[in-house]
Protein backbone atom coordinates (compact mmCIF):
# COMPACT_ATOMS: atom_id res chain seq x y z
CA MET A 1 93.32 147.45 101.39
CA ALA A 2 94.08 150.79 99.82
CA GLY A 3 97.61 152.02 99.09
CA GLY A 4 99.88 149.41 97.54
CA GLY A 5 97.74 146.55 98.90
CA ILE A 6 99.21 143.06 99.15
CA VAL A 7 102.08 142.25 96.81
CA VAL A 8 103.12 138.59 96.46
CA GLU A 9 106.06 137.45 94.38
CA ARG A 10 108.16 134.35 93.86
CA PHE A 11 111.87 134.36 94.67
CA GLU A 12 114.34 132.72 92.31
CA THR A 13 116.95 132.36 95.08
CA PRO A 14 117.39 129.06 96.96
CA PRO A 15 116.19 128.76 100.58
CA ILE A 16 118.69 129.65 103.30
CA ALA A 17 119.42 125.98 104.08
CA ARG A 18 120.72 125.45 100.56
CA ARG A 19 123.00 128.46 100.53
CA ASN A 20 126.64 127.87 101.35
CA VAL A 21 127.05 130.23 104.32
CA GLU A 22 124.76 131.21 107.20
CA PHE A 23 125.34 133.37 110.29
CA VAL A 24 123.03 133.29 113.33
CA GLU A 25 123.32 134.82 116.81
CA ARG A 26 121.32 134.90 120.04
CA LYS A 27 121.99 137.03 123.09
CA GLY A 28 120.65 135.12 126.07
CA LEU A 29 118.73 135.92 129.22
CA GLY A 30 121.59 137.48 131.19
CA HIS A 31 123.18 139.47 128.34
CA PRO A 32 123.04 143.24 129.02
CA ASP A 33 121.14 143.89 125.76
CA TYR A 34 118.59 141.22 126.67
CA ILE A 35 118.21 142.78 130.12
CA ALA A 36 117.52 146.16 128.52
CA ASP A 37 114.84 144.71 126.23
CA ALA A 38 113.26 142.69 129.02
CA VAL A 39 113.10 145.61 131.46
CA ALA A 40 111.54 147.84 128.78
CA GLU A 41 108.87 145.25 128.06
CA ALA A 42 108.24 144.52 131.76
CA VAL A 43 107.66 148.23 132.38
CA SER A 44 105.33 148.51 129.37
CA ARG A 45 103.27 145.54 130.60
CA ALA A 46 103.06 146.99 134.10
CA LEU A 47 101.87 150.35 132.73
CA CYS A 48 99.29 148.58 130.55
CA ARG A 49 97.92 146.70 133.56
CA GLU A 50 97.71 149.87 135.65
CA TYR A 51 95.97 151.84 132.90
CA LEU A 52 93.48 149.01 132.32
CA LYS A 53 92.76 148.67 136.03
CA ARG A 54 92.14 152.39 136.49
CA TYR A 55 90.53 153.41 133.20
CA GLY A 56 89.71 150.32 131.16
CA GLU A 57 92.03 151.48 128.38
CA VAL A 58 95.75 151.14 127.64
CA LEU A 59 96.93 154.74 127.46
CA HIS A 60 99.79 156.10 125.39
CA HIS A 61 103.32 155.20 126.42
CA ASN A 62 106.63 154.21 124.87
CA VAL A 63 109.40 153.12 127.23
CA ASP A 64 111.70 151.65 124.60
CA LYS A 65 114.86 153.54 125.56
CA VAL A 66 116.47 151.50 128.35
CA LEU A 67 120.19 151.73 129.09
CA VAL A 68 122.12 149.19 131.17
CA VAL A 69 125.44 150.53 132.49
CA GLY A 70 127.77 147.86 133.79
CA GLY A 71 128.94 147.84 137.39
CA GLN A 72 132.13 146.42 138.89
CA SER A 73 132.79 143.08 140.52
CA ARG A 74 135.58 140.85 141.77
CA PRO A 75 134.86 137.17 140.98
CA LYS A 76 136.97 134.65 142.90
CA PHE A 77 137.08 130.89 142.82
CA GLY A 78 134.74 129.82 145.61
CA GLY A 79 133.41 133.35 146.20
CA GLY A 80 133.54 136.89 144.84
CA GLU A 81 131.78 140.21 145.45
CA VAL A 82 130.06 143.07 143.65
CA LEU A 83 131.99 146.32 144.13
CA ALA A 84 129.73 148.77 142.29
CA PRO A 85 126.11 148.19 141.22
CA ILE A 86 124.68 147.94 137.72
CA TYR A 87 122.81 151.11 136.72
CA ILE A 88 119.59 150.78 134.71
CA LEU A 89 117.95 153.87 133.23
CA VAL A 90 114.40 153.53 131.88
CA ALA A 91 113.58 156.39 129.50
CA GLY A 92 110.63 157.22 127.30
CA ARG A 93 107.14 158.69 127.49
CA ALA A 94 104.04 157.75 129.43
CA THR A 95 100.62 159.13 130.30
CA THR A 96 101.10 160.50 133.80
CA GLU A 97 97.90 162.58 134.14
CA VAL A 98 94.36 161.63 133.16
CA ARG A 99 91.28 163.87 133.01
CA THR A 100 88.37 161.63 133.92
CA GLU A 101 84.79 161.77 132.67
CA GLY A 102 83.86 163.70 135.78
CA GLY A 103 86.37 166.43 134.95
CA ALA A 104 88.88 165.59 137.69
CA THR A 105 92.59 165.14 136.97
CA GLU A 106 94.27 162.02 138.33
CA THR A 107 97.99 161.31 138.56
CA VAL A 108 99.30 157.90 137.56
CA PRO A 109 102.22 156.77 139.79
CA VAL A 110 104.52 155.99 136.87
CA GLY A 111 107.76 156.16 138.88
CA PRO A 112 106.89 153.41 141.39
CA ILE A 113 105.50 151.28 138.57
CA VAL A 114 108.78 151.55 136.63
CA LEU A 115 110.88 150.69 139.68
CA GLU A 116 108.82 147.72 140.83
CA ALA A 117 108.39 146.21 137.34
CA SER A 118 112.12 146.42 136.68
CA LYS A 119 113.09 144.88 140.01
CA GLU A 120 110.44 142.17 139.79
CA TRP A 121 111.75 141.06 136.39
CA ILE A 122 115.27 140.79 137.84
CA ARG A 123 114.00 138.85 140.88
CA SER A 124 112.10 136.44 138.64
CA ASN A 125 114.92 135.74 136.18
CA PHE A 126 118.18 135.80 138.15
CA ARG A 127 119.19 133.60 141.05
CA PHE A 128 122.09 135.70 142.35
CA LEU A 129 121.49 139.24 141.06
CA ASN A 130 119.80 141.08 143.93
CA PRO A 131 117.84 144.10 142.60
CA GLU A 132 118.15 145.88 145.96
CA LYS A 133 121.91 145.31 146.48
CA HIS A 134 123.40 144.91 143.01
CA VAL A 135 121.28 147.22 140.84
CA ILE A 136 120.27 150.88 140.79
CA VAL A 137 117.09 151.48 138.76
CA ASP A 138 116.42 155.04 137.62
CA TYR A 139 113.93 156.57 135.19
CA LYS A 140 113.48 159.62 132.98
CA ILE A 141 109.91 159.44 131.75
CA GLY A 142 108.48 162.35 129.79
CA LYS A 143 105.09 163.42 131.15
CA GLY A 144 101.95 163.14 129.09
CA SER A 145 98.25 163.73 129.68
CA ALA A 146 95.08 162.13 128.37
CA ASP A 147 91.40 163.05 128.30
CA LEU A 148 89.27 159.92 128.74
CA VAL A 149 86.20 161.51 127.16
CA ALA A 150 88.17 162.40 124.02
CA ILE A 151 89.72 158.90 123.92
CA PHE A 152 86.30 157.24 124.11
CA LYS A 153 84.94 159.49 121.36
CA ARG A 154 87.89 158.72 119.08
CA ARG A 155 87.72 154.98 119.70
CA LYS A 156 87.61 153.03 116.44
CA GLU A 157 87.70 149.37 115.58
CA TYR A 158 91.33 149.76 114.46
CA PRO A 159 93.43 152.63 115.81
CA GLY A 160 95.67 154.64 113.52
CA ALA A 161 99.35 153.73 113.32
CA ASN A 162 101.43 156.06 115.49
CA ASP A 163 104.51 155.77 113.27
CA THR A 164 105.64 155.11 109.73
CA SER A 165 107.59 151.93 110.22
CA LEU A 166 108.48 148.50 108.86
CA GLY A 167 107.80 145.04 110.27
CA VAL A 168 109.65 142.00 108.94
CA GLY A 169 109.18 138.27 109.46
CA PHE A 170 110.16 134.97 107.89
CA ALA A 171 109.59 131.23 108.20
CA PRO A 172 110.57 128.52 108.70
CA LEU A 173 113.67 128.60 110.88
CA SER A 174 116.66 126.72 109.49
CA ASP A 175 118.49 124.01 111.44
CA THR A 176 121.16 126.56 112.31
CA GLU A 177 118.62 129.04 113.63
CA ARG A 178 116.76 126.44 115.67
CA LEU A 179 120.04 125.18 117.09
CA VAL A 180 121.13 128.64 118.25
CA LEU A 181 117.73 129.31 119.84
CA GLU A 182 117.53 125.96 121.61
CA VAL A 183 121.12 125.95 122.91
CA GLU A 184 120.58 129.21 124.80
CA ARG A 185 117.18 128.14 126.09
CA TYR A 186 118.62 124.82 127.24
CA LEU A 187 121.53 126.42 129.11
CA ASN A 188 119.08 128.74 130.86
CA SER A 189 116.57 125.98 131.61
CA PRO A 190 115.63 124.97 135.18
CA LYS A 191 117.11 121.51 134.48
CA VAL A 192 120.60 122.86 133.74
CA LYS A 193 120.47 125.39 136.56
CA SER A 194 119.57 122.58 138.96
CA GLU A 195 122.24 120.16 137.72
CA LEU A 196 124.94 122.76 136.98
CA PRO A 197 124.22 125.76 139.22
CA MET A 198 127.46 127.42 138.16
CA VAL A 199 126.07 128.08 134.66
CA GLY A 200 125.15 131.77 134.76
CA GLU A 201 122.29 133.45 132.96
CA ASP A 202 124.58 135.37 130.60
CA VAL A 203 124.82 133.06 127.59
CA LYS A 204 125.57 134.16 124.02
CA VAL A 205 125.48 131.80 121.04
CA MET A 206 126.99 132.53 117.62
CA ALA A 207 126.78 130.09 114.73
CA VAL A 208 128.32 129.95 111.30
CA ARG A 209 127.31 127.25 108.85
CA THR A 210 129.51 126.55 105.85
CA GLY A 211 128.04 123.85 103.67
CA SER A 212 126.94 121.04 105.98
CA LYS A 213 129.18 122.02 108.92
CA ILE A 214 128.00 124.26 111.77
CA GLU A 215 130.45 125.89 114.20
CA LEU A 216 128.95 127.13 117.45
CA THR A 217 130.82 129.63 119.58
CA VAL A 218 129.13 129.79 122.97
CA ALA A 219 129.98 132.25 125.74
CA VAL A 220 128.84 131.05 129.16
CA ALA A 221 129.34 133.16 132.29
CA PHE A 222 130.18 130.79 135.16
CA VAL A 223 129.19 131.81 138.70
CA SER A 224 132.44 131.91 140.67
CA LYS A 225 131.16 130.81 144.09
CA PHE A 226 130.32 127.35 142.70
CA ILE A 227 133.77 126.71 141.22
CA ALA A 228 136.65 125.90 143.58
CA GLY A 229 139.51 126.37 141.12
CA ARG A 230 140.98 126.06 137.66
CA GLU A 231 140.53 122.29 137.31
CA GLU A 232 136.87 122.39 138.25
CA TYR A 233 136.27 125.29 135.86
CA LEU A 234 137.81 123.39 132.94
CA SER A 235 135.89 120.25 133.88
CA VAL A 236 132.54 122.05 134.00
CA LYS A 237 133.31 123.83 130.74
CA GLU A 238 133.92 120.45 129.10
CA GLU A 239 130.62 119.14 130.54
CA VAL A 240 128.73 122.12 129.07
CA LYS A 241 130.39 121.48 125.70
CA ARG A 242 129.36 117.81 125.81
CA ARG A 243 125.76 118.69 126.67
CA ILE A 244 125.56 121.16 123.79
CA GLU A 245 126.88 118.48 121.42
CA ASP A 246 124.25 116.03 122.65
CA LEU A 247 121.50 118.62 122.16
CA ALA A 248 122.78 119.48 118.69
CA ALA A 249 122.59 115.83 117.63
CA LYS A 250 118.85 115.88 118.41
CA ILE A 251 118.24 119.04 116.35
CA THR A 252 120.29 118.53 113.20
CA ASP A 253 122.11 115.80 111.32
CA LYS A 254 124.76 118.27 110.20
CA GLU A 255 128.25 118.16 111.67
CA VAL A 256 128.35 120.50 114.68
CA ILE A 257 131.59 121.74 116.21
CA VAL A 258 131.18 123.41 119.61
CA HIS A 259 133.53 125.98 121.16
CA VAL A 260 132.90 127.26 124.71
CA ASN A 261 134.51 130.40 126.20
CA THR A 262 137.25 130.69 123.60
CA GLY A 263 138.62 133.79 125.33
CA ASP A 264 139.85 131.73 128.30
CA ASP A 265 143.55 131.31 129.05
CA PRO A 266 143.86 127.69 130.25
CA SER A 267 147.42 128.32 131.42
CA ALA A 268 146.21 130.83 134.03
CA LEU A 269 146.24 129.46 137.57
CA ASP A 270 143.94 132.11 139.07
CA GLU A 271 140.61 133.74 138.14
CA SER A 272 142.14 136.17 135.67
CA GLY A 273 142.12 133.71 132.78
CA TYR A 274 138.48 132.60 132.92
CA TYR A 275 134.92 133.83 132.27
CA LEU A 276 133.71 134.13 135.85
CA VAL A 277 130.96 136.32 137.30
CA VAL A 278 129.45 136.81 140.73
CA THR A 279 125.78 137.37 139.87
CA GLY A 280 125.28 135.52 136.58
CA THR A 281 125.65 138.46 134.18
CA SER A 282 128.58 140.28 132.62
CA ALA A 283 126.67 143.52 133.29
CA GLU A 284 128.12 143.32 136.80
CA HIS A 285 131.53 144.27 135.44
CA GLY A 286 131.61 146.84 132.68
CA ASP A 287 129.45 145.26 129.99
CA ASP A 288 126.67 147.65 128.93
CA GLY A 289 123.38 147.15 127.10
CA ALA A 290 120.62 149.06 125.35
CA THR A 291 117.13 148.34 124.07
CA GLY A 292 117.01 147.26 120.44
CA ARG A 293 120.64 146.08 120.15
CA GLY A 294 119.84 142.44 120.81
CA ASN A 295 117.56 139.79 119.37
CA ARG A 296 114.84 140.53 116.87
CA VAL A 297 111.22 139.58 117.57
CA ASN A 298 111.83 135.88 116.78
CA GLY A 299 114.62 135.71 119.38
CA LEU A 300 117.47 135.69 116.89
CA ILE A 301 119.90 137.98 115.07
CA THR A 302 119.97 136.75 111.46
CA PRO A 303 122.12 138.90 109.15
CA MET A 304 121.55 136.51 106.22
CA ARG A 305 117.79 137.19 106.44
CA PRO A 306 115.87 140.48 106.17
CA MET A 307 115.50 142.12 109.59
CA SER A 308 113.85 145.23 111.00
CA MET A 309 115.97 147.60 113.07
CA GLU A 310 112.99 148.44 115.30
CA ALA A 311 113.32 148.07 119.06
CA ALA A 312 110.03 146.29 119.66
CA ALA A 313 110.39 145.98 123.45
CA GLY A 314 108.76 148.75 125.49
CA LYS A 315 106.64 150.19 122.71
CA ASN A 316 102.93 150.47 123.37
CA PRO A 317 100.98 147.44 122.13
CA VAL A 318 97.90 149.39 121.03
CA ASN A 319 99.06 151.12 117.86
CA HIS A 320 102.85 151.15 117.68
CA VAL A 321 103.42 149.31 114.45
CA GLY A 322 107.16 149.03 115.16
CA LYS A 323 106.08 146.41 117.69
CA LEU A 324 102.88 144.98 116.22
CA TYR A 325 103.96 144.56 112.59
CA ASN A 326 107.08 142.56 113.45
CA VAL A 327 104.97 140.04 115.35
CA VAL A 328 102.27 139.92 112.67
CA ALA A 329 104.90 139.48 109.93
CA HIS A 330 106.48 136.46 111.66
CA ARG A 331 103.10 134.87 112.38
CA ALA A 332 101.89 135.42 108.83
CA ALA A 333 105.10 133.92 107.40
CA ALA A 334 104.77 130.85 109.63
CA LYS A 335 101.15 130.32 108.65
CA ILE A 336 101.92 130.74 104.95
CA VAL A 337 104.56 128.00 105.11
CA GLU A 338 102.37 125.73 107.23
CA GLU A 339 99.20 126.05 105.15
CA THR A 340 100.43 126.50 101.58
CA GLY A 341 103.50 124.28 101.50
CA VAL A 342 105.91 126.87 100.04
CA GLU A 343 109.53 126.36 101.11
CA GLU A 344 110.08 129.78 102.66
CA ALA A 345 108.04 132.94 103.22
CA TYR A 346 109.25 136.48 103.87
CA VAL A 347 106.72 139.10 104.98
CA LYS A 348 107.34 142.85 105.13
CA LEU A 349 104.66 145.27 106.33
CA LEU A 350 105.06 149.01 105.78
CA SER A 351 102.83 151.29 107.84
CA GLN A 352 101.97 154.91 107.30
CA ILE A 353 101.35 157.12 110.31
CA GLY A 354 97.63 157.64 110.84
CA ARG A 355 96.44 154.70 108.69
CA PRO A 356 94.42 152.00 110.51
CA ILE A 357 96.84 149.43 111.85
CA ASN A 358 95.14 146.60 109.93
CA ASP A 359 95.69 148.48 106.66
CA PRO A 360 99.42 148.94 105.96
CA LEU A 361 100.50 151.06 103.04
CA VAL A 362 102.07 147.93 101.51
CA ALA A 363 102.11 144.29 102.61
CA TYR A 364 104.83 142.44 100.72
CA VAL A 365 105.30 138.68 100.64
CA GLY A 366 108.20 136.91 98.93
CA VAL A 367 108.13 133.13 98.77
CA VAL A 368 110.52 130.40 97.71
CA ALA A 369 108.50 127.91 95.68
CA ASP A 370 108.35 126.33 92.26
CA GLU A 371 106.14 128.03 89.69
CA SER A 372 103.17 125.68 89.94
CA SER A 373 103.14 125.75 93.77
CA PHE A 374 103.38 129.52 93.70
CA ALA A 375 100.45 129.84 91.26
CA ARG A 376 98.27 127.62 93.46
CA ALA A 377 99.25 129.38 96.70
CA LYS A 378 99.13 133.05 95.69
CA GLY A 379 95.47 133.67 96.51
CA GLU A 380 95.70 131.73 99.76
CA ILE A 381 98.77 133.76 100.78
CA GLU A 382 96.87 137.01 100.30
CA GLY A 383 94.03 135.66 102.44
CA ILE A 384 96.42 134.65 105.24
CA VAL A 385 98.00 138.13 105.31
CA ARG A 386 94.57 139.79 105.47
CA GLU A 387 93.46 137.43 108.23
CA GLN A 388 96.55 138.17 110.33
CA LEU A 389 96.18 141.92 109.87
CA ASP A 390 92.48 141.88 110.70
CA GLY A 391 93.29 140.00 113.91
CA ILE A 392 95.96 142.49 114.98
CA ASN A 393 93.87 143.93 117.83
CA ARG A 394 93.98 140.57 119.60
CA LEU A 395 97.70 141.03 120.19
CA LEU A 396 97.03 143.64 122.89
CA SER A 397 95.88 141.12 125.50
CA GLU A 398 98.73 138.76 124.60
CA PHE A 399 101.28 141.51 125.17
CA VAL A 400 99.70 142.60 128.46
CA GLU A 401 99.72 139.01 129.71
CA GLY A 402 103.32 138.47 128.59
CA LYS A 403 102.38 135.73 126.11
CA VAL A 404 104.33 137.18 123.18
CA GLN A 405 108.09 136.64 123.22
CA ILE A 406 109.70 139.50 121.32
CA PHE A 407 113.40 139.01 122.08
């Protein structure tokens, strides 16, 4: 590696689990920010598949500017209706015209691809949000052109980075972080949806750990048609709380205090005092979302840890380091911890536009370890980082197949 190469240093600070305070958040499947990220990534994958099918190459695109504008609804115990649809705007750039090797110009049907990918993601992830009735999908995609002959001539083993950007990753997850991740995944699991169909997809989990005590504040949107009235709502809310407590006991031995829907007014006799939705998401009634405002690549928002501000979802998976480097950084950190035995690893990769994507300007690794462990591990850490960077091209197929979770 040229530039600053790989820099490895030992941290004097204690690992996150031994610090006194920790904050962790996850915005779940039905949260408007999650929807924006997921739609952006679904559209990117669909474009990749179309480009590969037609031309054997993933052509340039970035559709990482998705806006979710909340609609209006009227939830009612035992029913409810959507009054105005959610509006989703997919914005960005894509290759819309391609000059083939024979000299002809072909048009790529980007608009229909955007619409179908967005609606298919909604159909696949929501039980009661109908993409034809409850959602308007729109797009503003800047047009771009590509010359296949020129692309084939420029093809290199590692493409040049298309941005100067930073990717950040760390490992391992703390008990608090694993708890936040698993609570949301559990509440959105097929098991819970089958046993408690009133649990909506819009789940948000916030944790604060002080010492050995974790407080979880969980917001769960309950689907109104499954709840007959106030008493049933409060009963189901208590059942959700109990289930989260049971799950927490399997994840950590720390004291866990669970709060569910703390904004409720239990004295209210009608729907006005409770977190009820018609379709499973708060986006149906005024809550908005945007790509990049939600979870980082590891599925969490961790203000006590270093984070990148990049919106990874929707960026092209060929050479956009704002996407690739965040995934590589997390994988490298995990492998460093697993294979070298250091307590914690933090990886930061800084690209420079035009440099080969496997050759960042600087790859920085900070580890929490005692001096002797650090001395033994330093060379191995450098080798792991190089190995992960040299394998960066393999991420393309994983992204196209939807095998990389980045929110």
